Amino acid sequence: MLSSDLGMIRLAVSAGRGTGGAVERNRARRRLREAVRVDLRDRSMMGAQDLVLVARQAILFATAPEIRASVSRSLDQVARDLSRDKR
């Protein structure tokens, strides 16, 4: 996570070869990107940030609600860290 001067949240999603073949890596990135898109739609407090997320193999077997819950917990932690840094 880095602060950005662009005034918006930018997202990079990575999935290494350990995640699987090209099809599995692409699926993992799509699933993670969609979960973040849904979660960030309701978050305006984060401000301009650059986020880098790494998909792990477990995402291929997780349900959509499990992925959304995990993303939500992670972004909650990021928001707490940001508020702590501003003090």
Protein backbone atom coordinates (compact mmCIF):
# COMPACT_ATOMS: atom_id res chain seq x y z
CA MET A 1 0.00 0.00 0.00
CA LEU A 2 1.36 3.38 -1.02
CA SER A 3 -0.15 6.83 -1.06
CA SER A 4 -1.00 8.09 -4.51
CA ASP A 5 -1.11 11.61 -5.91
CA LEU A 6 -3.73 10.69 -8.51
CA GLY A 7 -6.77 11.14 -6.27
CA MET A 8 -8.05 7.59 -6.73
CA ILE A 9 -7.39 4.04 -5.63
CA ARG A 10 -5.28 2.02 -8.05
CA LEU A 11 -5.19 -1.76 -7.82
CA ALA A 12 -2.62 -4.30 -8.98
CA VAL A 13 -3.42 -8.00 -8.70
CA SER A 14 -0.72 -10.62 -9.05
CA ALA A 15 -0.89 -14.41 -9.20
CA GLY A 16 2.37 -16.33 -9.37
CA ARG A 17 2.98 -19.68 -11.04
CA GLY A 18 2.37 -21.43 -7.73
CA THR A 19 -1.29 -20.52 -8.17
CA GLY A 20 -1.53 -22.80 -11.19
CA GLY A 21 -1.42 -22.62 -14.95
CA ALA A 22 -2.36 -19.56 -16.98
CA VAL A 23 -6.08 -20.31 -16.84
CA GLU A 24 -6.04 -20.71 -13.05
CA ARG A 25 -3.91 -17.57 -12.55
CA ASN A 26 -6.29 -15.53 -14.70
CA ARG A 27 -9.31 -16.92 -12.83
CA ALA A 28 -7.70 -16.11 -9.48
CA ARG A 29 -6.94 -12.54 -10.59
CA ARG A 30 -10.49 -12.04 -11.91
CA ARG A 31 -12.09 -13.37 -8.73
CA LEU A 32 -9.90 -11.20 -6.50
CA ARG A 33 -10.37 -8.09 -8.65
CA GLU A 34 -14.16 -8.51 -8.59
CA ALA A 35 -14.24 -8.95 -4.80
CA VAL A 36 -12.20 -5.77 -4.38
CA ARG A 37 -14.38 -3.86 -6.85
CA VAL A 38 -17.53 -4.79 -4.91
CA ASP A 39 -15.95 -3.91 -1.56
CA LEU A 40 -14.36 -0.60 -2.64
CA ARG A 41 -17.66 0.62 -4.07
CA ASP A 42 -18.80 1.16 -0.48
CA ARG A 43 -15.53 2.62 0.82
CA SER A 44 -14.73 6.27 0.28
CA MET A 45 -12.56 6.74 3.36
CA MET A 46 -9.43 5.18 1.94
CA GLY A 47 -8.53 8.12 -0.25
CA ALA A 48 -5.90 7.82 -2.94
CA GLN A 49 -3.90 4.64 -2.49
CA ASP A 50 -2.02 2.14 -4.59
CA LEU A 51 -2.94 -1.40 -3.52
CA VAL A 52 -1.07 -4.55 -4.53
CA LEU A 53 -2.82 -7.86 -3.87
CA VAL A 54 -1.37 -11.32 -4.40
CA ALA A 55 -3.75 -14.18 -5.20
CA ARG A 56 -2.97 -17.51 -3.55
CA GLN A 57 -4.00 -20.96 -4.78
CA ALA A 58 -6.75 -21.26 -2.15
CA ILE A 59 -8.77 -18.59 -4.00
CA LEU A 60 -9.47 -21.14 -6.74
CA PHE A 61 -11.43 -23.31 -4.29
CA ALA A 62 -13.06 -20.58 -2.18
CA THR A 63 -16.64 -19.46 -2.63
CA ALA A 64 -17.42 -15.89 -3.67
CA PRO A 65 -18.69 -14.96 -0.17
CA GLU A 66 -15.47 -16.34 1.38
CA ILE A 67 -13.36 -14.27 -1.01
CA ARG A 68 -15.41 -11.12 -0.33
CA ALA A 69 -15.11 -11.66 3.43
CA SER A 70 -11.35 -12.10 3.18
CA VAL A 71 -10.98 -9.00 1.01
CA SER A 72 -13.18 -7.02 3.40
CA ARG A 73 -11.04 -8.05 6.39
CA SER A 74 -7.87 -7.12 4.52
CA LEU A 75 -9.21 -3.72 3.46
CA ASP A 76 -10.44 -3.08 7.00
CA GLN A 77 -6.88 -3.65 8.19
CA VAL A 78 -5.56 -1.27 5.53
CA ALA A 79 -8.09 1.38 6.61
CA ARG A 80 -7.06 0.96 10.27
CA ASP A 81 -3.39 1.29 9.33
CA LEU A 82 -4.14 4.43 7.31
CA SER A 83 -6.05 6.04 10.17
CA ARG A 84 -3.26 5.16 12.60
CA ASP A 85 -0.64 6.70 10.27
CA LYS A 86 -2.59 9.96 10.01
CA ARG A 87 -2.43 10.56 13.76
